[in-house]
Amino acid sequence: MAAVVLATGSPANAATTEFCTQPGARAGYSCFYSNGDIIGVNDMFKDGLRAVVEWRTDDGYGECHDANGALNGWTYCNYDFTEGKNKIISFRVVARNGANGADQFPTVAVVGWISGRG
């Protein structure tokens, strides 16, 4: 499992922890930010496919799509996940031909803390 974890913050606010998939993956690149429950996704290849983050928590699952075309910056999806001491999210990026195409080039799943660790 490849993940990048950065913790930042000050005594006046909660720490933000960033969990990311491996950069340069064919499907795309994604990060989860615990402060704000934000998932970002970036399509890195001009191949006609979209980058899609598939995420799962113990409360449910969902997707965040970058349908803006390759190399056009990040797409961010903002969620309100249930907070708690041991709440986690797992996510991976896949490439798809359209919103409902077959999953291609899946990344290794990353597991992160929803409430952050600082």
Protein backbone atom coordinates (compact mmCIF):
# COMPACT_ATOMS: atom_id res chain seq x y z
CA MET A 1 0.00 0.00 0.00
CA ALA A 2 1.47 3.34 -1.03
CA ALA A 3 0.25 6.37 0.83
CA VAL A 4 1.50 9.81 1.60
CA VAL A 5 0.49 11.18 4.99
CA LEU A 6 0.97 14.80 6.00
CA ALA A 7 -0.32 16.26 9.26
CA THR A 8 -0.62 20.00 9.75
CA GLY A 9 -2.40 22.25 12.16
CA SER A 10 -2.11 24.54 15.12
CA PRO A 11 -3.40 24.40 18.69
CA ALA A 12 -6.35 26.58 17.61
CA ASN A 13 -7.70 24.10 15.02
CA ALA A 14 -7.92 20.41 14.35
CA ALA A 15 -5.12 18.77 12.40
CA THR A 16 -5.68 17.96 8.76
CA THR A 17 -4.33 14.65 7.59
CA GLU A 18 -3.84 13.98 3.88
CA PHE A 19 -3.91 10.45 2.47
CA CYS A 20 -3.06 9.94 -1.22
CA THR A 21 -2.85 7.21 -3.83
CA GLN A 22 0.43 6.66 -5.62
CA PRO A 23 1.34 9.54 -7.95
CA GLY A 24 1.70 8.78 -11.64
CA ALA A 25 -0.78 5.88 -11.65
CA ARG A 26 -2.45 5.28 -15.01
CA ALA A 27 -5.96 5.64 -13.54
CA GLY A 28 -5.22 9.02 -11.95
CA TYR A 29 -4.25 10.52 -8.62
CA SER A 30 -6.40 11.10 -5.54
CA CYS A 31 -6.14 12.50 -2.01
CA PHE A 32 -8.47 12.50 0.99
CA TYR A 33 -8.28 15.44 3.41
CA SER A 34 -9.65 14.68 6.88
CA ASN A 35 -10.40 18.33 7.72
CA GLY A 36 -13.55 18.96 5.69
CA ASP A 37 -13.94 15.38 4.47
CA ILE A 38 -12.79 16.33 0.97
CA ILE A 39 -11.73 13.91 -1.75
CA GLY A 40 -9.75 15.26 -4.69
CA VAL A 41 -9.08 13.46 -7.96
CA ASN A 42 -6.88 14.37 -10.91
CA ASP A 43 -6.87 12.73 -14.37
CA MET A 44 -3.22 12.56 -15.42
CA PHE A 45 -3.40 10.91 -18.86
CA LYS A 46 -4.85 12.08 -22.18
CA ASP A 47 -6.41 8.72 -23.00
CA GLY A 48 -10.11 9.61 -23.34
CA LEU A 49 -10.92 8.04 -19.96
CA ARG A 50 -12.06 9.78 -16.78
CA ALA A 51 -10.48 9.32 -13.35
CA VAL A 52 -12.92 8.07 -10.71
CA VAL A 53 -12.32 7.68 -6.98
CA GLU A 54 -14.28 4.84 -5.44
CA TRP A 55 -14.53 5.30 -1.66
CA ARG A 56 -15.96 3.23 1.18
CA THR A 57 -16.60 3.82 4.88
CA ASP A 58 -18.48 1.70 7.39
CA ASP A 59 -21.47 4.02 6.72
CA GLY A 60 -21.54 3.62 2.94
CA TYR A 61 -19.70 4.10 -0.32
CA GLY A 62 -19.57 6.47 -3.25
CA GLU A 63 -17.60 7.95 -6.12
CA CYS A 64 -15.98 11.23 -7.12
CA HIS A 65 -15.43 11.80 -10.88
CA ASP A 66 -12.91 13.97 -12.72
CA ALA A 67 -14.73 14.36 -16.04
CA ASN A 68 -12.99 17.63 -16.98
CA GLY A 69 -10.41 15.98 -19.20
CA ALA A 70 -6.80 15.12 -18.57
CA LEU A 71 -4.39 17.61 -17.06
CA ASN A 72 -7.12 20.20 -16.36
CA GLY A 73 -6.55 20.33 -12.60
CA TRP A 74 -8.24 18.71 -9.66
CA THR A 75 -11.90 17.93 -9.07
CA TYR A 76 -12.97 18.05 -5.40
CA CYS A 77 -15.95 16.34 -3.77
CA ASN A 78 -17.00 17.43 -0.28
CA TYR A 79 -18.69 14.92 2.03
CA ASP A 80 -19.86 14.91 5.65
CA PHE A 81 -18.57 11.59 6.97
CA THR A 82 -19.43 10.39 10.46
CA GLU A 83 -16.57 11.36 12.78
CA GLY A 84 -15.20 9.10 15.48
CA LYS A 85 -12.06 7.80 17.11
CA ASN A 86 -11.63 4.79 14.84
CA LYS A 87 -13.49 5.89 11.68
CA ILE A 88 -11.65 5.06 8.48
CA ILE A 89 -12.09 5.52 4.75
CA SER A 90 -10.64 3.34 2.02
CA PHE A 91 -10.38 4.57 -1.54
CA ARG A 92 -8.83 3.82 -4.90
CA VAL A 93 -8.77 5.40 -8.35
CA VAL A 94 -9.98 3.70 -11.52
CA ALA A 95 -10.18 4.93 -15.11
CA ARG A 96 -13.49 4.66 -16.95
CA ASN A 97 -14.87 5.30 -20.40
CA GLY A 98 -17.79 7.49 -19.29
CA ALA A 99 -19.54 7.51 -15.94
CA ASN A 100 -20.54 3.83 -16.03
CA GLY A 101 -17.79 2.20 -18.08
CA ALA A 102 -15.78 -0.77 -16.88
CA ASP A 103 -13.12 -0.07 -14.23
CA GLN A 104 -9.63 0.04 -15.74
CA PHE A 105 -6.13 0.41 -14.24
CA PRO A 106 -7.21 0.34 -10.55
CA THR A 107 -4.74 1.75 -8.04
CA VAL A 108 -3.85 0.12 -4.76
CA ALA A 109 -6.47 1.01 -2.15
CA VAL A 110 -5.44 3.54 0.49
CA VAL A 111 -6.86 3.55 4.03
CA GLY A 112 -7.09 6.81 5.96
CA TRP A 113 -8.49 8.19 9.19
CA ILE A 114 -11.65 10.26 8.73
CA SER A 115 -11.07 12.24 11.92
CA GLY A 116 -7.38 12.75 11.15
CA ARG A 117 -4.41 12.05 13.32
CA GLY A 118 -2.34 14.98 14.49
